[in-house]
Amino acid sequence: MIDKYPKTCNLCGGTVIFTSNAVIYGQEYGSGRCYLCTKCGAFVGTHKPWSREAMGLLADERMRKGKSCATTCFISKLMKQPTAGGGMTLTVYP
């Protein structure tokens, strides 16, 4: 179960703080808030309408790169799937 309000890092067990995401990006984006591990630096953003609710698990750089790679691979394979009309399509669900 994903903790929507993490206090302990799921990667290293360190203390997690709720802070401005400007600490990570240099300025605030989206909800403007995030959860950040003070020990390993893993972080997770928050939902814009519910700025205290985490969008998922805290992730370190390795996990974020892995997710990006997996998404790229998935989209690439998806785009190669023919549709009934012979073309290719990408459907994105909200």
C-alpha atoms as a PDB file:
ATOM      1  CA  MET A   1       0.000   0.000   0.000  1.00  0.00           C
ATOM      2  CA  ILE A   2       1.332   3.423  -0.952  1.00  0.00           C
ATOM      3  CA  ASP A   3       1.544   5.882   1.935  1.00  0.00           C
ATOM      4  CA  LYS A   4      -0.101   9.081   0.696  1.00  0.00           C
ATOM      5  CA  TYR A   5       1.489  11.071   3.530  1.00  0.00           C
ATOM      6  CA  PRO A   6       4.974   9.528   3.972  1.00  0.00           C
ATOM      7  CA  LYS A   7       7.026  10.206   7.098  1.00  0.00           C
ATOM      8  CA  THR A   8       9.643   7.484   6.494  1.00  0.00           C
ATOM      9  CA  CYS A   9      11.492   6.837   3.224  1.00  0.00           C
ATOM     10  CA  ASN A  10      10.479   3.602   1.475  1.00  0.00           C
ATOM     11  CA  LEU A  11      14.064   3.290   0.124  1.00  0.00           C
ATOM     12  CA  CYS A  12      16.402   4.007   3.036  1.00  0.00           C
ATOM     13  CA  GLY A  13      14.191   4.427   6.110  1.00  0.00           C
ATOM     14  CA  GLY A  14      15.241   8.069   6.507  1.00  0.00           C
ATOM     15  CA  THR A  15      13.054  10.917   7.715  1.00  0.00           C
ATOM     16  CA  VAL A  16      10.768  12.438   5.080  1.00  0.00           C
ATOM     17  CA  ILE A  17       9.779  16.100   5.166  1.00  0.00           C
ATOM     18  CA  PHE A  18       6.935  17.907   3.396  1.00  0.00           C
ATOM     19  CA  THR A  19       8.475  20.908   1.629  1.00  0.00           C
ATOM     20  CA  SER A  20       8.436  23.216  -1.362  1.00  0.00           C
ATOM     21  CA  ASN A  21       9.508  21.499  -4.590  1.00  0.00           C
ATOM     22  CA  ALA A  22      11.657  24.565  -5.267  1.00  0.00           C
ATOM     23  CA  VAL A  23      14.226  22.741  -3.102  1.00  0.00           C
ATOM     24  CA  ILE A  24      14.562  20.258  -5.996  1.00  0.00           C
ATOM     25  CA  TYR A  25      13.800  22.314  -9.115  1.00  0.00           C
ATOM     26  CA  GLY A  26      14.891  25.819  -8.110  1.00  0.00           C
ATOM     27  CA  GLN A  27      11.323  27.116  -8.395  1.00  0.00           C
ATOM     28  CA  GLU A  28       7.877  25.749  -7.636  1.00  0.00           C
ATOM     29  CA  TYR A  29       6.032  23.637 -10.219  1.00  0.00           C
ATOM     30  CA  GLY A  30       2.586  22.004 -10.193  1.00  0.00           C
ATOM     31  CA  SER A  31       1.297  21.856  -6.634  1.00  0.00           C
ATOM     32  CA  GLY A  32       4.497  23.510  -5.436  1.00  0.00           C
ATOM     33  CA  ARG A  33       5.004  20.832  -2.775  1.00  0.00           C
ATOM     34  CA  CYS A  34       6.754  17.481  -2.408  1.00  0.00           C
ATOM     35  CA  TYR A  35       7.897  14.894   0.101  1.00  0.00           C
ATOM     36  CA  LEU A  36      11.707  14.709   0.374  1.00  0.00           C
ATOM     37  CA  CYS A  37      13.905  12.207   2.206  1.00  0.00           C
ATOM     38  CA  THR A  38      16.506  14.048   4.293  1.00  0.00           C
ATOM     39  CA  LYS A  39      18.835  11.025   4.163  1.00  0.00           C
ATOM     40  CA  CYS A  40      18.962   9.796   0.531  1.00  0.00           C
ATOM     41  CA  GLY A  41      17.295  12.657  -1.359  1.00  0.00           C
ATOM     42  CA  ALA A  42      14.454  10.562  -2.818  1.00  0.00           C
ATOM     43  CA  PHE A  43      11.317  12.580  -3.470  1.00  0.00           C
ATOM     44  CA  VAL A  44       7.755  12.428  -4.737  1.00  0.00           C
ATOM     45  CA  GLY A  45       5.491  15.204  -5.946  1.00  0.00           C
ATOM     46  CA  THR A  46       2.002  15.890  -4.701  1.00  0.00           C
ATOM     47  CA  HIS A  47      -1.346  16.211  -6.454  1.00  0.00           C
ATOM     48  CA  LYS A  48      -2.218  19.776  -7.379  1.00  0.00           C
ATOM     49  CA  PRO A  49      -5.739  19.886  -5.959  1.00  0.00           C
ATOM     50  CA  TRP A  50      -4.646  17.958  -2.819  1.00  0.00           C
ATOM     51  CA  SER A  51      -1.174  19.349  -2.222  1.00  0.00           C
ATOM     52  CA  ARG A  52      -0.470  17.111   0.799  1.00  0.00           C
ATOM     53  CA  GLU A  53      -1.267  13.821  -1.015  1.00  0.00           C
ATOM     54  CA  ALA A  54       1.767  12.086  -2.549  1.00  0.00           C
ATOM     55  CA  MET A  55       1.487  11.041  -6.204  1.00  0.00           C
ATOM     56  CA  GLY A  56       3.203   7.705  -5.548  1.00  0.00           C
ATOM     57  CA  LEU A  57       6.317   6.302  -3.887  1.00  0.00           C
ATOM     58  CA  LEU A  58       9.431   8.279  -3.095  1.00  0.00           C
ATOM     59  CA  ALA A  59      11.926   7.653  -5.884  1.00  0.00           C
ATOM     60  CA  ASP A  60      15.651   8.201  -6.164  1.00  0.00           C
ATOM     61  CA  GLU A  61      17.447   9.072  -9.407  1.00  0.00           C
ATOM     62  CA  ARG A  62      17.859   5.420 -10.399  1.00  0.00           C
ATOM     63  CA  MET A  63      14.124   4.737 -10.015  1.00  0.00           C
ATOM     64  CA  ARG A  64      13.159   7.892 -11.944  1.00  0.00           C
ATOM     65  CA  LYS A  65      15.495   6.961 -14.825  1.00  0.00           C
ATOM     66  CA  GLY A  66      14.107   3.417 -14.858  1.00  0.00           C
ATOM     67  CA  LYS A  67      10.537   4.688 -15.016  1.00  0.00           C
ATOM     68  CA  SER A  68      11.428   7.058 -17.841  1.00  0.00           C
ATOM     69  CA  CYS A  69      13.135   4.255 -19.780  1.00  0.00           C
ATOM     70  CA  ALA A  70      10.208   1.871 -19.263  1.00  0.00           C
ATOM     71  CA  THR A  71       7.731   4.540 -20.384  1.00  0.00           C
ATOM     72  CA  THR A  72       9.761   5.274 -23.521  1.00  0.00           C
ATOM     73  CA  CYS A  73       9.929   1.577 -24.354  1.00  0.00           C
ATOM     74  CA  PHE A  74       6.205   1.092 -23.735  1.00  0.00           C
ATOM     75  CA  ILE A  75       5.199   4.087 -25.876  1.00  0.00           C
ATOM     76  CA  SER A  76       7.568   2.961 -28.648  1.00  0.00           C
ATOM     77  CA  LYS A  77       6.030  -0.522 -28.727  1.00  0.00           C
ATOM     78  CA  LEU A  78       2.519   0.878 -28.480  1.00  0.00           C
ATOM     79  CA  MET A  79       3.093   3.166 -31.464  1.00  0.00           C
ATOM     80  CA  LYS A  80       4.128   0.133 -33.563  1.00  0.00           C
ATOM     81  CA  GLN A  81       0.771  -1.608 -32.997  1.00  0.00           C
ATOM     82  CA  PRO A  82      -1.458  -1.313 -36.072  1.00  0.00           C
ATOM     83  CA  THR A  83      -5.074  -0.235 -35.710  1.00  0.00           C
ATOM     84  CA  ALA A  84      -8.046  -1.803 -37.513  1.00  0.00           C
ATOM     85  CA  GLY A  85      -7.637   0.784 -40.296  1.00  0.00           C
ATOM     86  CA  GLY A  86      -3.956  -0.038 -40.710  1.00  0.00           C
ATOM     87  CA  GLY A  87      -2.683   3.176 -39.088  1.00  0.00           C
ATOM     88  CA  MET A  88      -1.200   3.629 -35.648  1.00  0.00           C
ATOM     89  CA  THR A  89      -2.765   5.364 -32.715  1.00  0.00           C
ATOM     90  CA  LEU A  90      -1.952   6.356 -29.158  1.00  0.00           C
ATOM     91  CA  THR A  91      -4.796   6.725 -26.708  1.00  0.00           C
ATOM     92  CA  VAL A  92      -4.074   8.524 -23.450  1.00  0.00           C
ATOM     93  CA  TYR A  93      -6.549   8.108 -20.627  1.00  0.00           C
ATOM     94  CA  PRO A  94      -6.819  10.735 -17.861  1.00  0.00           C
END
